Amino acid sequence: PFLQRDVLLLPFNAPNHWVIVISRTETEEALTIDPWGNEMTYERESLRNWRSFLYQRTGKLTENWKTKILEHHRQIDGHNCGPLILKKHICSIKTSVL
């Protein structure tokens, strides 16, 4: 059932820092947002983990899934990554358009 959603928001803590991956099931895209702007650090690993998770849940191959980095405001301090991720999370839910 949860894989039938159009958009899934997947925040995760990368030791002492919050990052979010937004899964768009219709287009098979995993969109990575890191408030510090270091998406390249997480992009490949998060896509690999997401594909593995989907395969475990569905038993279907997930090779078509790709990753993208979204443009966004950058974090300017060392403690606001959580609020920035929540803000993106809330905006995504309200608009349902990325």
Protein backbone atom coordinates (compact mmCIF):
# COMPACT_ATOMS: atom_id res chain seq x y z
CA PRO A 1 0.00 0.00 0.00
CA PHE A 2 2.63 2.63 0.85
CA LEU A 3 4.34 2.04 -2.51
CA GLN A 4 1.13 3.15 -4.22
CA ARG A 5 1.67 6.71 -3.01
CA ASP A 6 2.84 9.26 -5.56
CA VAL A 7 5.38 10.87 -3.24
CA LEU A 8 7.15 9.39 -0.22
CA LEU A 9 9.25 11.60 2.04
CA LEU A 10 12.18 9.76 3.58
CA PRO A 11 14.16 11.88 6.05
CA PHE A 12 17.24 10.25 7.56
CA ASN A 13 19.94 11.21 9.98
CA ALA A 14 23.45 11.01 8.56
CA PRO A 15 25.30 11.25 11.86
CA ASN A 16 24.38 14.59 13.42
CA HIS A 17 22.82 15.94 10.24
CA TRP A 18 19.41 15.54 8.57
CA VAL A 19 19.00 14.79 4.87
CA ILE A 20 15.81 13.93 2.97
CA VAL A 21 15.15 11.75 -0.03
CA ILE A 22 11.83 12.32 -1.79
CA SER A 23 10.63 9.29 -3.70
CA ARG A 24 8.43 9.95 -6.73
CA THR A 25 6.94 6.58 -7.63
CA GLU A 26 5.32 7.70 -10.89
CA THR A 27 8.62 8.84 -12.41
CA GLU A 28 10.83 6.41 -10.43
CA GLU A 29 13.00 9.22 -9.09
CA ALA A 30 14.70 9.61 -5.73
CA LEU A 31 15.28 13.32 -5.12
CA THR A 32 18.01 14.11 -2.60
CA ILE A 33 18.13 17.27 -0.49
CA ASP A 34 20.95 18.05 1.92
CA PRO A 35 20.59 21.43 3.66
CA TRP A 36 24.39 21.85 3.55
CA GLY A 37 24.39 21.28 -0.20
CA ASN A 38 26.45 18.07 -0.09
CA GLU A 39 23.92 15.90 -1.90
CA MET A 40 26.64 14.13 -3.88
CA THR A 41 27.82 12.60 -0.59
CA TYR A 42 24.48 10.84 -0.05
CA GLU A 43 23.01 10.56 -3.54
CA ARG A 44 24.49 7.24 -4.69
CA GLU A 45 24.16 5.48 -1.34
CA SER A 46 20.58 6.63 -0.76
CA LEU A 47 19.55 5.45 -4.23
CA ARG A 48 21.23 2.08 -3.67
CA ASN A 49 19.50 1.70 -0.29
CA TRP A 50 16.12 2.74 -1.75
CA ARG A 51 16.42 0.27 -4.62
CA SER A 52 17.38 -2.50 -2.20
CA PHE A 53 14.44 -1.66 0.07
CA LEU A 54 12.00 -1.67 -2.85
CA TYR A 55 13.34 -5.00 -4.09
CA GLN A 56 12.96 -6.54 -0.63
CA ARG A 57 9.39 -5.25 -0.35
CA THR A 58 8.19 -6.03 -3.87
CA GLY A 59 10.58 -8.62 -5.33
CA LYS A 60 10.69 -6.50 -8.51
CA LEU A 61 13.81 -5.15 -10.16
CA THR A 62 14.33 -1.45 -9.49
CA GLU A 63 17.04 -0.58 -12.02
CA ASN A 64 14.91 2.13 -13.65
CA TRP A 65 14.99 4.27 -10.52
CA LYS A 66 17.28 7.26 -10.87
CA THR A 67 18.38 10.04 -8.60
CA LYS A 68 18.21 13.82 -8.88
CA ILE A 69 19.37 16.69 -6.75
CA LEU A 70 16.80 19.42 -6.09
CA GLU A 71 17.65 23.09 -5.90
CA HIS A 72 16.91 24.50 -2.45
CA HIS A 73 17.95 27.03 0.17
CA ARG A 74 21.23 26.22 1.87
CA GLN A 75 21.70 25.89 5.59
CA ILE A 76 23.88 28.72 6.91
CA ASP A 77 24.57 27.42 10.40
CA GLY A 78 25.32 24.13 12.13
CA HIS A 79 21.96 23.44 13.73
CA ASN A 80 19.03 24.16 11.38
CA CYS A 81 19.09 21.09 9.11
CA GLY A 82 16.13 19.52 10.94
CA PRO A 83 13.83 22.56 10.54
CA LEU A 84 14.87 22.96 6.88
CA ILE A 85 14.02 19.32 6.18
CA LEU A 86 10.67 19.70 7.98
CA LYS A 87 9.90 22.84 5.98
CA LYS A 88 10.58 21.00 2.70
CA HIS A 89 8.53 18.07 3.99
CA ILE A 90 5.52 20.29 4.81
CA CYS A 91 5.76 22.22 1.51
CA SER A 92 5.86 18.95 -0.44
CA ILE A 93 2.78 17.64 1.33
CA LYS A 94 0.86 20.88 0.75
CA THR A 95 1.64 21.16 -2.95
CA SER A 96 2.21 17.51 -3.92
CA VAL A 97 4.33 18.91 -6.74
CA LEU A 98 8.10 18.91 -6.80
